Amino acid sequence: MNCVIYRSTKRDQTYLYVEKKDDFSRVPPELMKSFGEPRLAMIFPLDGRKKLVNASLENVIRALKDQGYYLQLPPPPESLLKIHLDSQRGN
């Protein structure tokens, strides 16, 4: 199984994984609208891989088979308040 990854032009650090290049037929129109113009980031085979850098290999494969796409969102922003409170506890 191949994996084609596109980056979003509207949302920073947001990526859309599909099986075939330029095939967004199974991606909901609402998602495509909010994603913006897809920009090709990379293509690689999933077969034989043990892991992915920023996504769970099992979740990606399952999503590609079940719904035809996988959406990778950016990590949540760090809470500056939590960082501050944690640093105060260490004093």
N, C-alpha and C. Protein backbone atom coordinates (compact mmCIF):
# COMPACT_ATOMS: atom_id res chain seq x y z
N MET A 1 0.85 -1.19 0.00
CA MET A 1 0.00 0.00 0.00
C MET A 1 0.89 1.24 0.00
N ASN A 2 0.59 2.17 -0.91
CA ASN A 2 1.31 3.43 -0.96
C ASN A 2 0.63 4.47 -0.10
N CYS A 3 1.38 5.48 0.24
CA CYS A 3 0.87 6.59 1.02
C CYS A 3 1.34 7.88 0.35
N VAL A 4 0.38 8.75 0.04
CA VAL A 4 0.69 10.03 -0.55
C VAL A 4 0.29 11.10 0.46
N ILE A 5 1.22 11.95 0.81
CA ILE A 5 0.97 12.96 1.85
C ILE A 5 0.97 14.35 1.22
N TYR A 6 -0.08 15.10 1.57
CA TYR A 6 -0.22 16.48 1.12
C TYR A 6 -0.24 17.40 2.33
N ARG A 7 0.36 18.56 2.18
CA ARG A 7 0.28 19.56 3.26
C ARG A 7 -0.80 20.57 2.93
N SER A 8 -1.38 21.12 3.96
CA SER A 8 -2.45 22.09 3.81
C SER A 8 -1.89 23.48 3.52
N THR A 9 -2.58 24.23 2.67
CA THR A 9 -2.20 25.62 2.42
C THR A 9 -2.94 26.57 3.34
N LYS A 10 -3.92 26.04 4.08
CA LYS A 10 -4.70 26.90 4.98
C LYS A 10 -4.38 26.67 6.46
N ARG A 11 -3.86 25.49 6.78
CA ARG A 11 -3.61 25.15 8.19
C ARG A 11 -2.18 24.67 8.36
N ASP A 12 -1.43 25.38 9.18
CA ASP A 12 -0.04 25.03 9.43
C ASP A 12 0.07 23.66 10.08
N GLN A 13 1.06 22.88 9.68
CA GLN A 13 1.35 21.56 10.24
C GLN A 13 0.17 20.58 10.12
N THR A 14 -0.63 20.73 9.09
CA THR A 14 -1.76 19.83 8.86
C THR A 14 -1.51 19.08 7.55
N TYR A 15 -1.65 17.74 7.63
CA TYR A 15 -1.33 16.89 6.49
C TYR A 15 -2.47 15.92 6.20
N LEU A 16 -2.67 15.64 4.92
CA LEU A 16 -3.70 14.71 4.48
C LEU A 16 -3.01 13.54 3.78
N TYR A 17 -3.29 12.32 4.26
CA TYR A 17 -2.72 11.11 3.69
C TYR A 17 -3.80 10.42 2.85
N VAL A 18 -3.45 10.04 1.63
CA VAL A 18 -4.34 9.27 0.76
C VAL A 18 -3.51 8.16 0.10
N GLU A 19 -4.18 7.19 -0.53
CA GLU A 19 -3.47 6.07 -1.14
C GLU A 19 -2.93 6.36 -2.53
N LYS A 20 -3.65 7.18 -3.30
CA LYS A 20 -3.26 7.43 -4.69
C LYS A 20 -3.07 8.92 -4.91
N LYS A 21 -2.05 9.24 -5.69
CA LYS A 21 -1.74 10.64 -5.98
C LYS A 21 -2.94 11.33 -6.63
N ASP A 22 -3.27 12.48 -6.07
CA ASP A 22 -4.35 13.35 -6.58
C ASP A 22 -5.74 12.70 -6.56
N ASP A 23 -5.92 11.65 -5.76
CA ASP A 23 -7.25 11.02 -5.64
C ASP A 23 -7.85 11.40 -4.28
N PHE A 24 -8.72 12.41 -4.32
CA PHE A 24 -9.39 12.88 -3.10
C PHE A 24 -10.86 12.50 -3.12
N SER A 25 -11.22 11.49 -3.90
CA SER A 25 -12.62 11.11 -4.08
C SER A 25 -13.29 10.64 -2.80
N ARG A 26 -12.54 10.11 -1.85
CA ARG A 26 -13.15 9.63 -0.60
C ARG A 26 -13.01 10.63 0.55
N VAL A 27 -12.41 11.79 0.27
CA VAL A 27 -12.25 12.83 1.29
C VAL A 27 -13.50 13.72 1.25
N PRO A 28 -14.14 13.95 2.40
CA PRO A 28 -15.35 14.79 2.42
C PRO A 28 -15.08 16.19 1.85
N PRO A 29 -16.01 16.71 1.06
CA PRO A 29 -15.84 18.05 0.46
C PRO A 29 -15.59 19.14 1.50
N GLU A 30 -16.23 19.03 2.67
CA GLU A 30 -16.04 20.04 3.73
C GLU A 30 -14.59 20.06 4.20
N LEU A 31 -14.00 18.87 4.32
CA LEU A 31 -12.61 18.76 4.74
C LEU A 31 -11.69 19.36 3.68
N MET A 32 -11.95 19.06 2.43
CA MET A 32 -11.12 19.60 1.35
C MET A 32 -11.21 21.13 1.32
N LYS A 33 -12.39 21.66 1.58
CA LYS A 33 -12.56 23.11 1.57
C LYS A 33 -11.75 23.76 2.70
N SER A 34 -11.80 23.18 3.89
CA SER A 34 -11.06 23.76 5.02
C SER A 34 -9.56 23.47 4.93
N PHE A 35 -9.19 22.41 4.20
CA PHE A 35 -7.78 22.04 4.04
C PHE A 35 -7.06 22.98 3.08
N GLY A 36 -7.78 23.47 2.09
CA GLY A 36 -7.16 24.35 1.09
C GLY A 36 -6.58 23.54 -0.05
N GLU A 37 -5.81 24.18 -0.88
CA GLU A 37 -5.18 23.52 -2.03
C GLU A 37 -4.11 22.55 -1.53
N PRO A 38 -4.28 21.26 -1.78
CA PRO A 38 -3.28 20.29 -1.30
C PRO A 38 -1.95 20.45 -2.04
N ARG A 39 -0.87 20.46 -1.29
CA ARG A 39 0.48 20.54 -1.86
C ARG A 39 1.19 19.23 -1.57
N LEU A 40 1.65 18.56 -2.61
CA LEU A 40 2.31 17.28 -2.46
C LEU A 40 3.55 17.42 -1.58
N ALA A 41 3.62 16.60 -0.53
CA ALA A 41 4.77 16.62 0.37
C ALA A 41 5.68 15.43 0.12
N MET A 42 5.09 14.22 0.02
CA MET A 42 5.90 13.02 -0.24
C MET A 42 5.02 11.83 -0.59
N ILE A 43 5.67 10.82 -1.20
CA ILE A 43 5.03 9.56 -1.54
C ILE A 43 5.97 8.45 -1.08
N PHE A 44 5.41 7.44 -0.40
CA PHE A 44 6.24 6.30 0.01
C PHE A 44 5.36 5.09 0.27
N PRO A 45 5.93 3.89 0.20
CA PRO A 45 5.17 2.67 0.49
C PRO A 45 5.03 2.47 1.99
N LEU A 46 3.86 2.01 2.41
CA LEU A 46 3.67 1.68 3.83
C LEU A 46 4.08 0.24 4.13
N ASP A 47 4.08 -0.60 3.11
CA ASP A 47 4.46 -2.00 3.29
C ASP A 47 5.89 -2.10 3.80
N GLY A 48 6.08 -2.90 4.83
CA GLY A 48 7.41 -3.11 5.38
C GLY A 48 7.85 -2.06 6.39
N ARG A 49 7.09 -1.01 6.54
CA ARG A 49 7.44 0.02 7.54
C ARG A 49 7.08 -0.46 8.93
N LYS A 50 7.86 -0.03 9.89
CA LYS A 50 7.57 -0.39 11.28
C LYS A 50 6.92 0.78 12.01
N LYS A 51 7.22 2.01 11.56
CA LYS A 51 6.60 3.17 12.21
C LYS A 51 6.69 4.39 11.30
N LEU A 52 5.94 5.41 11.66
CA LEU A 52 5.98 6.70 10.99
C LEU A 52 6.46 7.73 12.01
N VAL A 53 6.93 8.86 11.55
CA VAL A 53 7.50 9.87 12.44
C VAL A 53 6.43 10.54 13.32
N ASN A 54 5.37 11.05 12.71
CA ASN A 54 4.40 11.85 13.47
C ASN A 54 2.99 11.26 13.51
N ALA A 55 2.86 9.99 13.18
CA ALA A 55 1.54 9.36 13.19
C ALA A 55 1.71 7.87 13.50
N SER A 56 0.67 7.28 14.01
CA SER A 56 0.66 5.85 14.28
C SER A 56 0.47 5.10 12.97
N LEU A 57 1.39 4.21 12.63
CA LEU A 57 1.31 3.43 11.40
C LEU A 57 -0.01 2.66 11.33
N GLU A 58 -0.40 2.05 12.44
CA GLU A 58 -1.64 1.27 12.47
C GLU A 58 -2.85 2.15 12.20
N ASN A 59 -2.88 3.33 12.81
CA ASN A 59 -4.01 4.26 12.61
C ASN A 59 -4.08 4.75 11.17
N VAL A 60 -2.93 5.03 10.57
CA VAL A 60 -2.90 5.50 9.19
C VAL A 60 -3.43 4.42 8.25
N ILE A 61 -2.92 3.20 8.39
CA ILE A 61 -3.35 2.10 7.53
C ILE A 61 -4.85 1.84 7.69
N ARG A 62 -5.33 1.81 8.93
CA ARG A 62 -6.75 1.57 9.19
C ARG A 62 -7.61 2.67 8.56
N ALA A 63 -7.20 3.92 8.74
CA ALA A 63 -7.98 5.04 8.20
C ALA A 63 -7.99 5.02 6.67
N LEU A 64 -6.86 4.71 6.06
CA LEU A 64 -6.81 4.65 4.60
C LEU A 64 -7.73 3.56 4.07
N LYS A 65 -7.76 2.41 4.74
CA LYS A 65 -8.62 1.31 4.29
C LYS A 65 -10.09 1.62 4.57
N ASP A 66 -10.39 2.13 5.76
CA ASP A 66 -11.79 2.33 6.17
C ASP A 66 -12.45 3.56 5.55
N GLN A 67 -11.74 4.69 5.57
CA GLN A 67 -12.39 5.93 5.12
C GLN A 67 -11.71 6.54 3.90
N GLY A 68 -10.54 6.04 3.51
CA GLY A 68 -9.88 6.53 2.31
C GLY A 68 -8.93 7.68 2.52
N TYR A 69 -8.75 8.13 3.76
CA TYR A 69 -7.83 9.22 4.05
C TYR A 69 -7.47 9.20 5.54
N TYR A 70 -6.38 9.89 5.87
CA TYR A 70 -5.99 10.09 7.26
C TYR A 70 -5.61 11.56 7.37
N LEU A 71 -6.10 12.25 8.37
CA LEU A 71 -5.80 13.65 8.59
C LEU A 71 -4.88 13.78 9.80
N GLN A 72 -3.70 14.35 9.58
CA GLN A 72 -2.75 14.58 10.67
C GLN A 72 -2.81 16.04 11.06
N LEU A 73 -3.20 16.29 12.30
CA LEU A 73 -3.31 17.64 12.82
C LEU A 73 -2.07 18.00 13.62
N PRO A 74 -1.78 19.29 13.78
CA PRO A 74 -0.61 19.68 14.57
C PRO A 74 -0.82 19.34 16.04
N PRO A 75 0.28 19.18 16.76
CA PRO A 75 0.15 18.92 18.19
C PRO A 75 -0.48 20.13 18.88
N PRO A 76 -1.16 19.91 20.00
CA PRO A 76 -1.75 21.05 20.70
C PRO A 76 -0.66 21.97 21.24
N PRO A 77 -0.94 23.26 21.31
CA PRO A 77 0.08 24.18 21.83
C PRO A 77 0.35 23.92 23.31
N GLU A 78 1.58 24.18 23.69
CA GLU A 78 1.94 24.00 25.09
C GLU A 78 1.24 25.05 25.94
N SER A 79 0.83 24.64 27.11
CA SER A 79 0.19 25.57 28.04
C SER A 79 1.29 26.31 28.81
N LEU A 80 1.39 27.61 28.56
CA LEU A 80 2.40 28.40 29.28
C LEU A 80 2.10 28.44 30.77
N LEU A 81 0.82 28.43 31.13
CA LEU A 81 0.45 28.41 32.54
C LEU A 81 0.94 27.13 33.21
N LYS A 82 0.74 26.00 32.56
CA LYS A 82 1.20 24.72 33.11
C LYS A 82 2.72 24.71 33.26
N ILE A 83 3.42 25.20 32.25
CA ILE A 83 4.88 25.26 32.33
C ILE A 83 5.31 26.11 33.51
N HIS A 84 4.65 27.24 33.67
CA HIS A 84 4.98 28.14 34.77
C HIS A 84 4.71 27.48 36.14
N LEU A 85 3.53 26.88 36.26
CA LEU A 85 3.19 26.23 37.54
C LEU A 85 4.13 25.07 37.85
N ASP A 86 4.48 24.30 36.82
CA ASP A 86 5.43 23.19 37.03
C ASP A 86 6.78 23.72 37.49
N SER A 87 7.21 24.84 36.91
CA SER A 87 8.52 25.39 37.30
C SER A 87 8.47 25.92 38.73
N GLN A 88 7.31 26.41 39.16
CA GLN A 88 7.18 26.92 40.53
C GLN A 88 7.22 25.79 41.56
N ARG A 89 6.69 24.64 41.19
CA ARG A 89 6.70 23.50 42.10
C ARG A 89 8.10 22.96 42.31
N GLY A 90 8.95 23.16 41.31
CA GLY A 90 10.33 22.67 41.39
C GLY A 90 11.21 23.52 42.27
N ASN A 91 10.77 24.72 42.65
CA ASN A 91 11.59 25.63 43.49
C ASN A 91 11.52 25.28 44.94
